[in-house]
């Protein structure tokens, strides 16, 4: 399902696929449907790096490799600074973790200072324990 978002990115919800957050994020960045991306991947579960690269190349997404590990909102090192990355890039693909639940992993997109969560929608309220761990920068 597509929902209008900030110019250039539309929200794609992962429902009814509970583990397809990566596919939904790639669909957002490619301007495609979730089903289009699942068809390229061949499944709706966690993606390997090779599967992600296949989708990126198929749809021409200009995604850089993971830019950093354990970003921080206002870190002094540019490669760790989430706020700076948000200002300098078209969009960010982010891996989200939970400091309380070590089994939690999720993918979201940040674009135009908006959080696109394929499970919870636009700008959801998150528990205090959620952190953005890795980012990959995306160019328009």
Protein backbone atom coordinates (compact mmCIF):
# COMPACT_ATOMS: atom_id res chain seq x y z
CA UNK A 1 0.00 0.00 0.00
CA UNK A 2 1.33 3.45 -0.91
CA UNK A 3 0.61 6.61 1.07
CA UNK A 4 1.58 10.09 -0.03
CA UNK A 5 4.59 11.42 1.84
CA UNK A 6 7.11 14.20 1.43
CA UNK A 7 7.88 14.93 -2.24
CA UNK A 8 10.02 12.14 -3.61
CA UNK A 9 9.14 9.33 -1.18
CA UNK A 10 5.84 7.57 -0.54
CA UNK A 11 5.20 5.50 2.56
CA UNK A 12 4.98 1.77 1.81
CA UNK A 13 3.58 -0.35 4.61
CA UNK A 14 4.90 -3.88 5.06
CA UNK A 15 1.52 -5.40 6.04
CA UNK A 16 0.57 -8.23 5.64
CA UNK A 17 4.23 -9.31 5.56
CA UNK A 18 5.51 -9.09 9.18
CA UNK A 19 9.21 -9.41 8.27
CA UNK A 20 9.29 -7.36 5.06
CA UNK A 21 10.45 -4.01 6.48
CA UNK A 22 13.62 -4.04 4.32
CA UNK A 23 11.60 -4.74 1.19
CA UNK A 24 9.13 -1.97 2.10
CA UNK A 25 12.00 0.52 2.58
CA UNK A 26 13.50 -0.43 -0.77
CA UNK A 27 10.06 -0.02 -2.35
CA UNK A 28 9.83 3.50 -0.86
CA UNK A 29 13.25 4.45 -2.20
CA UNK A 30 12.53 2.99 -5.65
CA UNK A 31 9.02 4.40 -5.95
CA UNK A 32 7.70 0.85 -6.39
CA UNK A 33 5.23 -1.39 -4.60
CA UNK A 34 6.09 -3.91 -1.91
CA UNK A 35 5.04 -6.71 -4.26
CA UNK A 36 7.49 -5.45 -6.93
CA UNK A 37 10.39 -5.71 -4.48
CA UNK A 38 9.31 -9.05 -3.03
CA UNK A 39 9.18 -10.42 -6.59
CA UNK A 40 12.84 -9.43 -7.14
CA UNK A 41 13.95 -10.83 -3.77
CA UNK A 42 11.89 -13.98 -4.01
CA UNK A 43 10.76 -13.81 -0.37
CA UNK A 44 9.44 -11.49 2.32
CA UNK A 45 11.96 -12.17 5.11
CA UNK A 46 15.26 -10.62 6.17
CA UNK A 47 17.46 -9.74 3.18
CA UNK A 48 21.09 -10.64 2.68
CA UNK A 49 23.47 -8.00 1.37
CA UNK A 50 23.42 -9.66 -2.06
CA UNK A 51 19.62 -9.61 -2.16
CA UNK A 52 19.55 -5.94 -1.18
CA UNK A 53 22.13 -5.13 -3.87
CA UNK A 54 20.05 -6.97 -6.49
CA UNK A 55 17.04 -4.74 -5.73
CA UNK A 56 19.21 -1.58 -5.60
CA UNK A 57 20.67 -2.36 -9.04
CA UNK A 58 17.37 -3.51 -10.56
CA UNK A 59 15.59 -0.27 -9.66
CA UNK A 60 18.58 2.09 -9.94
CA UNK A 61 18.56 3.22 -6.31
CA UNK A 62 21.67 5.33 -5.62
CA UNK A 63 22.51 3.84 -2.23
CA UNK A 64 25.94 4.02 -0.65
CA UNK A 65 27.16 1.16 1.50
CA UNK A 66 26.55 1.41 5.23
CA UNK A 67 27.90 4.81 6.14
CA UNK A 68 28.52 4.13 9.79
CA UNK A 69 27.96 1.96 12.77
CA UNK A 70 26.08 3.21 15.81
CA UNK A 71 25.21 6.70 14.68
CA UNK A 72 24.36 9.38 17.23
CA UNK A 73 22.01 12.32 16.90
CA UNK A 74 24.72 14.96 17.21
CA UNK A 75 28.04 13.07 17.20
CA UNK A 76 31.17 15.10 16.53
CA UNK A 77 32.49 12.67 13.92
CA UNK A 78 30.76 13.42 10.58
CA UNK A 79 30.36 9.75 9.66
CA UNK A 80 28.41 9.14 12.91
CA UNK A 81 26.30 12.30 12.96
CA UNK A 82 22.67 11.50 12.15
CA UNK A 83 21.58 15.15 12.00
CA UNK A 84 24.34 15.99 9.49
CA UNK A 85 23.52 12.96 7.34
CA UNK A 86 19.86 14.01 7.28
CA UNK A 87 20.85 17.48 6.01
CA UNK A 88 23.35 16.28 3.40
CA UNK A 89 21.56 13.37 1.73
CA UNK A 90 18.31 12.83 -0.12
CA UNK A 91 17.29 10.00 2.18
CA UNK A 92 18.67 7.54 4.71
CA UNK A 93 18.00 3.82 4.99
CA UNK A 94 18.33 3.06 8.69
CA UNK A 95 18.61 -0.08 10.75
CA UNK A 96 16.82 0.24 14.07
CA UNK A 97 17.59 -1.77 17.19
CA UNK A 98 16.22 -1.94 20.71
CA UNK A 99 18.46 -1.71 23.76
CA UNK A 100 16.07 -3.86 25.82
CA UNK A 101 15.16 -6.52 23.23
CA UNK A 102 18.32 -7.90 21.56
CA UNK A 103 16.17 -9.80 19.02
CA UNK A 104 14.52 -6.64 17.67
CA UNK A 105 15.70 -5.35 14.30
CA UNK A 106 13.80 -3.10 11.91
CA UNK A 107 14.40 -0.93 8.85
CA UNK A 108 13.06 2.59 8.25
CA UNK A 109 13.62 5.47 5.84
CA UNK A 110 14.28 9.08 6.82
CA UNK A 111 13.51 11.66 4.13
CA UNK A 112 12.70 15.35 4.39
CA UNK A 113 13.01 15.24 8.19
CA UNK A 114 10.23 12.66 8.28
CA UNK A 115 10.47 9.08 9.56
CA UNK A 116 8.87 6.53 7.26
CA UNK A 117 8.26 3.37 9.29
CA UNK A 118 6.87 0.53 7.16
CA UNK A 119 5.26 -1.04 10.23
CA UNK A 120 3.98 1.95 12.23
CA UNK A 121 3.48 4.65 9.56
CA UNK A 122 4.71 8.24 9.41
CA UNK A 123 6.62 9.65 12.37
CA UNK A 124 5.51 7.04 14.92
CA UNK A 125 6.14 7.35 18.62
CA UNK A 126 8.87 4.89 19.55
CA UNK A 127 9.78 3.47 22.96
CA UNK A 128 12.78 5.18 24.55
CA UNK A 129 14.84 2.02 24.01
CA UNK A 130 14.88 2.23 20.19
CA UNK A 131 18.08 3.41 18.52
CA UNK A 132 19.20 3.88 14.94
CA UNK A 133 22.31 1.76 14.60
CA UNK A 134 23.39 1.89 10.97
CA UNK A 135 22.61 4.22 8.09
CA UNK A 136 23.08 3.95 4.35
CA UNK A 137 22.86 7.23 2.46
CA UNK A 138 20.65 7.50 -0.61
CA UNK A 139 20.99 10.13 -3.31
CA UNK A 140 18.15 11.36 -5.54
